[in-house]
Amino acid sequence: MSVMEMSHRGKEFLSIIQKAESDLKALLDIPAEYAVLFLQGGATSQFATISLNLCKRDDLVDILVTGSWGDKAFKEAQKFCKPSVIWSGKSEKYTKIP
């Protein structure tokens, strides 16, 4: 059975995730009082994570939009802070950066 087929509450999976966390803490020298979070999602979910971790609701944030991913990040940031696009390459089809 692959890890993808296991219950996330099962003994087999728990031993895998605990070993992964232990190995990662040792490899990256993460202090014992910190936890490692294994989160699902791809790059798009990271746009919300960045805003949620680095900004407060009323924070003013300047964003450079250098590509379609930057545009998506700006749209997601609007949910969590007050972003302002200070430069965008959209009009030139993202062929330049400042």
N, C-alpha and C. Protein backbone atom coordinates (compact mmCIF):
# COMPACT_ATOMS: atom_id res chain seq x y z
N MET A 1 0.85 -1.17 0.00
CA MET A 1 0.00 0.00 0.00
C MET A 1 0.90 1.25 0.00
N SER A 2 0.57 2.22 -0.83
CA SER A 2 1.37 3.45 -0.87
C SER A 2 0.90 4.41 0.22
N VAL A 3 1.73 5.39 0.52
CA VAL A 3 1.39 6.38 1.55
C VAL A 3 0.13 7.16 1.15
N MET A 4 -0.11 7.29 -0.14
CA MET A 4 -1.29 8.02 -0.62
C MET A 4 -2.59 7.29 -0.28
N GLU A 5 -2.51 6.00 -0.07
CA GLU A 5 -3.70 5.21 0.23
C GLU A 5 -3.94 5.05 1.72
N MET A 6 -3.01 5.50 2.55
CA MET A 6 -3.12 5.31 4.00
C MET A 6 -4.01 6.37 4.63
N SER A 7 -4.64 5.99 5.72
CA SER A 7 -5.39 6.96 6.51
C SER A 7 -4.39 7.88 7.22
N HIS A 8 -4.69 9.17 7.25
CA HIS A 8 -3.79 10.10 7.93
C HIS A 8 -3.85 9.93 9.45
N ARG A 9 -4.74 9.07 9.92
CA ARG A 9 -4.83 8.77 11.35
C ARG A 9 -4.28 7.38 11.69
N GLY A 10 -3.87 6.66 10.67
CA GLY A 10 -3.38 5.29 10.89
C GLY A 10 -1.98 5.25 11.47
N LYS A 11 -1.66 4.14 12.15
CA LYS A 11 -0.35 3.97 12.78
C LYS A 11 0.79 4.06 11.77
N GLU A 12 0.60 3.45 10.61
CA GLU A 12 1.67 3.45 9.61
C GLU A 12 2.00 4.86 9.15
N PHE A 13 0.96 5.64 8.86
CA PHE A 13 1.17 7.01 8.40
C PHE A 13 1.77 7.87 9.51
N LEU A 14 1.27 7.71 10.72
CA LEU A 14 1.79 8.51 11.83
C LEU A 14 3.29 8.28 12.04
N SER A 15 3.73 7.04 11.88
CA SER A 15 5.17 6.78 12.04
C SER A 15 5.97 7.45 10.91
N ILE A 16 5.41 7.47 9.71
CA ILE A 16 6.09 8.12 8.58
C ILE A 16 6.19 9.62 8.81
N ILE A 17 5.11 10.25 9.21
CA ILE A 17 5.09 11.71 9.39
C ILE A 17 5.94 12.12 10.59
N GLN A 18 5.95 11.33 11.64
CA GLN A 18 6.79 11.65 12.80
C GLN A 18 8.27 11.53 12.45
N LYS A 19 8.62 10.53 11.66
CA LYS A 19 10.02 10.36 11.23
C LYS A 19 10.41 11.52 10.30
N ALA A 20 9.52 11.90 9.41
CA ALA A 20 9.80 13.01 8.50
C ALA A 20 10.02 14.30 9.28
N GLU A 21 9.19 14.56 10.28
CA GLU A 21 9.36 15.77 11.09
C GLU A 21 10.67 15.72 11.86
N SER A 22 10.97 14.60 12.44
CA SER A 22 12.22 14.44 13.19
C SER A 22 13.43 14.65 12.29
N ASP A 23 13.42 14.04 11.12
CA ASP A 23 14.53 14.18 10.17
C ASP A 23 14.69 15.63 9.72
N LEU A 24 13.57 16.30 9.43
CA LEU A 24 13.62 17.68 8.97
C LEU A 24 14.16 18.60 10.06
N LYS A 25 13.74 18.38 11.30
CA LYS A 25 14.24 19.19 12.42
C LYS A 25 15.74 19.01 12.58
N ALA A 26 16.20 17.78 12.46
CA ALA A 26 17.63 17.52 12.60
C ALA A 26 18.41 18.13 11.43
N LEU A 27 17.91 17.95 10.24
CA LEU A 27 18.59 18.44 9.04
C LEU A 27 18.70 19.96 9.01
N LEU A 28 17.61 20.64 9.41
CA LEU A 28 17.57 22.10 9.35
C LEU A 28 17.84 22.77 10.69
N ASP A 29 18.17 21.96 11.70
CA ASP A 29 18.47 22.47 13.04
C ASP A 29 17.30 23.30 13.59
N ILE A 30 16.10 22.76 13.47
CA ILE A 30 14.89 23.43 13.96
C ILE A 30 14.76 23.15 15.45
N PRO A 31 14.62 24.20 16.28
CA PRO A 31 14.52 24.00 17.73
C PRO A 31 13.35 23.11 18.12
N ALA A 32 13.52 22.43 19.24
CA ALA A 32 12.51 21.48 19.73
C ALA A 32 11.15 22.14 19.98
N GLU A 33 11.16 23.43 20.37
CA GLU A 33 9.89 24.09 20.68
C GLU A 33 9.09 24.50 19.44
N TYR A 34 9.64 24.23 18.25
CA TYR A 34 8.95 24.51 17.00
C TYR A 34 8.35 23.22 16.44
N ALA A 35 7.23 23.37 15.77
CA ALA A 35 6.61 22.24 15.08
C ALA A 35 6.79 22.43 13.58
N VAL A 36 6.85 21.34 12.87
CA VAL A 36 6.91 21.38 11.41
C VAL A 36 5.51 21.08 10.91
N LEU A 37 5.01 21.95 10.04
CA LEU A 37 3.69 21.75 9.47
C LEU A 37 3.82 21.23 8.05
N PHE A 38 3.16 20.14 7.76
CA PHE A 38 3.10 19.61 6.41
C PHE A 38 1.72 19.97 5.88
N LEU A 39 1.70 20.88 4.92
CA LEU A 39 0.44 21.39 4.41
C LEU A 39 0.22 20.99 2.97
N GLN A 40 -1.03 20.77 2.64
CA GLN A 40 -1.36 20.45 1.26
C GLN A 40 -1.45 21.73 0.46
N GLY A 41 -1.49 21.58 -0.81
CA GLY A 41 -1.66 22.73 -1.67
C GLY A 41 -0.43 22.99 -2.49
N GLY A 42 -0.62 23.71 -3.55
CA GLY A 42 0.50 24.05 -4.41
C GLY A 42 0.91 25.48 -4.23
N ALA A 43 1.52 26.03 -5.25
CA ALA A 43 2.04 27.39 -5.19
C ALA A 43 0.93 28.40 -4.90
N THR A 44 -0.23 28.20 -5.47
CA THR A 44 -1.31 29.16 -5.29
C THR A 44 -1.69 29.31 -3.83
N SER A 45 -1.69 28.24 -3.07
CA SER A 45 -2.05 28.34 -1.65
C SER A 45 -1.01 29.12 -0.86
N GLN A 46 0.21 29.20 -1.37
CA GLN A 46 1.26 29.95 -0.69
C GLN A 46 1.01 31.46 -0.74
N PHE A 47 0.25 31.94 -1.70
CA PHE A 47 -0.04 33.36 -1.77
C PHE A 47 -0.80 33.80 -0.51
N ALA A 48 -1.77 33.02 -0.09
CA ALA A 48 -2.50 33.34 1.15
C ALA A 48 -1.60 33.16 2.36
N THR A 49 -0.80 32.12 2.36
CA THR A 49 0.08 31.84 3.50
C THR A 49 1.05 32.99 3.74
N ILE A 50 1.61 33.55 2.69
CA ILE A 50 2.55 34.66 2.83
C ILE A 50 1.85 35.86 3.47
N SER A 51 0.70 36.23 2.96
CA SER A 51 -0.04 37.37 3.53
C SER A 51 -0.46 37.11 4.96
N LEU A 52 -0.94 35.93 5.24
CA LEU A 52 -1.40 35.61 6.59
C LEU A 52 -0.26 35.62 7.61
N ASN A 53 0.93 35.24 7.20
CA ASN A 53 2.06 35.18 8.11
C ASN A 53 2.83 36.49 8.24
N LEU A 54 2.81 37.32 7.23
CA LEU A 54 3.63 38.52 7.24
C LEU A 54 2.86 39.82 7.42
N CYS A 55 1.54 39.77 7.31
CA CYS A 55 0.76 41.02 7.32
C CYS A 55 -0.37 40.97 8.33
N LYS A 56 -0.73 42.17 8.77
CA LYS A 56 -1.94 42.34 9.56
C LYS A 56 -2.99 42.94 8.64
N ARG A 57 -4.23 42.89 9.04
CA ARG A 57 -5.35 43.34 8.19
C ARG A 57 -5.16 44.75 7.65
N ASP A 58 -4.64 45.67 8.44
CA ASP A 58 -4.52 47.07 8.02
C ASP A 58 -3.14 47.43 7.48
N ASP A 59 -2.26 46.46 7.33
CA ASP A 59 -0.92 46.74 6.81
C ASP A 59 -0.97 47.16 5.34
N LEU A 60 -0.19 48.19 5.03
CA LEU A 60 -0.02 48.61 3.64
C LEU A 60 1.17 47.84 3.07
N VAL A 61 0.98 47.19 1.94
CA VAL A 61 2.00 46.33 1.35
C VAL A 61 2.20 46.74 -0.11
N ASP A 62 3.45 46.96 -0.48
CA ASP A 62 3.78 47.28 -1.87
C ASP A 62 4.15 46.00 -2.60
N ILE A 63 3.61 45.83 -3.80
CA ILE A 63 3.84 44.62 -4.58
C ILE A 63 4.28 44.98 -5.99
N LEU A 64 5.32 44.29 -6.45
CA LEU A 64 5.75 44.37 -7.84
C LEU A 64 5.12 43.18 -8.56
N VAL A 65 4.40 43.44 -9.63
CA VAL A 65 3.78 42.36 -10.39
C VAL A 65 4.64 42.12 -11.63
N THR A 66 5.46 41.07 -11.55
CA THR A 66 6.41 40.79 -12.63
C THR A 66 5.98 39.63 -13.52
N GLY A 67 4.81 39.09 -13.22
CA GLY A 67 4.31 37.99 -14.03
C GLY A 67 2.92 37.59 -13.59
N SER A 68 2.37 36.59 -14.24
CA SER A 68 1.00 36.17 -13.92
C SER A 68 0.89 35.65 -12.49
N TRP A 69 1.95 35.04 -11.96
CA TRP A 69 1.93 34.57 -10.57
C TRP A 69 1.88 35.75 -9.61
N GLY A 70 2.61 36.81 -9.93
CA GLY A 70 2.58 38.02 -9.10
C GLY A 70 1.20 38.65 -9.10
N ASP A 71 0.53 38.61 -10.24
CA ASP A 71 -0.84 39.11 -10.33
C ASP A 71 -1.77 38.31 -9.43
N LYS A 72 -1.61 37.00 -9.45
CA LYS A 72 -2.42 36.14 -8.57
C LYS A 72 -2.12 36.41 -7.10
N ALA A 73 -0.84 36.63 -6.79
CA ALA A 73 -0.45 36.92 -5.40
C ALA A 73 -1.07 38.23 -4.93
N PHE A 74 -1.10 39.23 -5.79
CA PHE A 74 -1.72 40.51 -5.44
C PHE A 74 -3.21 40.31 -5.14
N LYS A 75 -3.90 39.59 -5.99
CA LYS A 75 -5.34 39.36 -5.79
C LYS A 75 -5.60 38.63 -4.47
N GLU A 76 -4.76 37.68 -4.13
CA GLU A 76 -4.93 36.94 -2.87
C GLU A 76 -4.60 37.84 -1.68
N ALA A 77 -3.58 38.68 -1.79
CA ALA A 77 -3.20 39.58 -0.71
C ALA A 77 -4.33 40.55 -0.36
N GLN A 78 -5.16 40.89 -1.33
CA GLN A 78 -6.28 41.81 -1.08
C GLN A 78 -7.24 41.28 -0.03
N LYS A 79 -7.25 39.98 0.18
CA LYS A 79 -8.13 39.38 1.18
C LYS A 79 -7.61 39.57 2.61
N PHE A 80 -6.30 39.85 2.76
CA PHE A 80 -5.68 39.80 4.08
C PHE A 80 -4.98 41.08 4.51
N CYS A 81 -4.76 42.02 3.60
CA CYS A 81 -4.08 43.27 3.93
C CYS A 81 -4.48 44.31 2.89
N LYS A 82 -3.73 45.40 2.84
CA LYS A 82 -4.03 46.47 1.90
C LYS A 82 -2.86 46.62 0.92
N PRO A 83 -2.84 45.76 -0.10
CA PRO A 83 -1.72 45.81 -1.04
C PRO A 83 -1.89 46.92 -2.08
N SER A 84 -0.76 47.37 -2.56
CA SER A 84 -0.73 48.37 -3.63
C SER A 84 0.27 47.90 -4.68
N VAL A 85 -0.16 47.87 -5.93
CA VAL A 85 0.76 47.50 -7.01
C VAL A 85 1.59 48.74 -7.32
N ILE A 86 2.89 48.67 -7.02
CA ILE A 86 3.75 49.83 -7.29
C ILE A 86 4.41 49.73 -8.66
N TRP A 87 4.34 48.57 -9.28
CA TRP A 87 4.82 48.39 -10.64
C TRP A 87 4.21 47.11 -11.20
N SER A 88 3.82 47.15 -12.46
CA SER A 88 3.31 45.96 -13.14
C SER A 88 3.86 45.89 -14.56
N GLY A 89 4.25 44.72 -14.95
CA GLY A 89 4.72 44.50 -16.31
C GLY A 89 3.65 43.95 -17.23
N LYS A 90 2.42 43.95 -16.75
CA LYS A 90 1.32 43.35 -17.51
C LYS A 90 1.14 44.02 -18.88
N SER A 91 1.23 45.34 -18.93
CA SER A 91 1.00 46.04 -20.20
C SER A 91 2.04 45.67 -21.26
N GLU A 92 3.20 45.20 -20.82
CA GLU A 92 4.25 44.78 -21.75
C GLU A 92 4.41 43.25 -21.77
N LYS A 93 3.33 42.57 -21.36
CA LYS A 93 3.26 41.12 -21.36
C LYS A 93 4.40 40.49 -20.54
N TYR A 94 4.74 41.16 -19.43
CA TYR A 94 5.73 40.67 -18.48
C TYR A 94 7.08 40.36 -19.12
N THR A 95 7.52 41.22 -20.02
CA THR A 95 8.82 41.02 -20.68
C THR A 95 9.92 41.85 -20.03
N LYS A 96 9.56 42.69 -19.05
CA LYS A 96 10.53 43.55 -18.37
C LYS A 96 10.27 43.51 -16.87
N ILE A 97 11.32 43.80 -16.13
CA ILE A 97 11.17 44.04 -14.69
C ILE A 97 11.93 45.32 -14.36
N PRO A 98 11.52 46.01 -13.31
CA PRO A 98 12.17 47.30 -12.99
C PRO A 98 13.61 47.10 -12.48
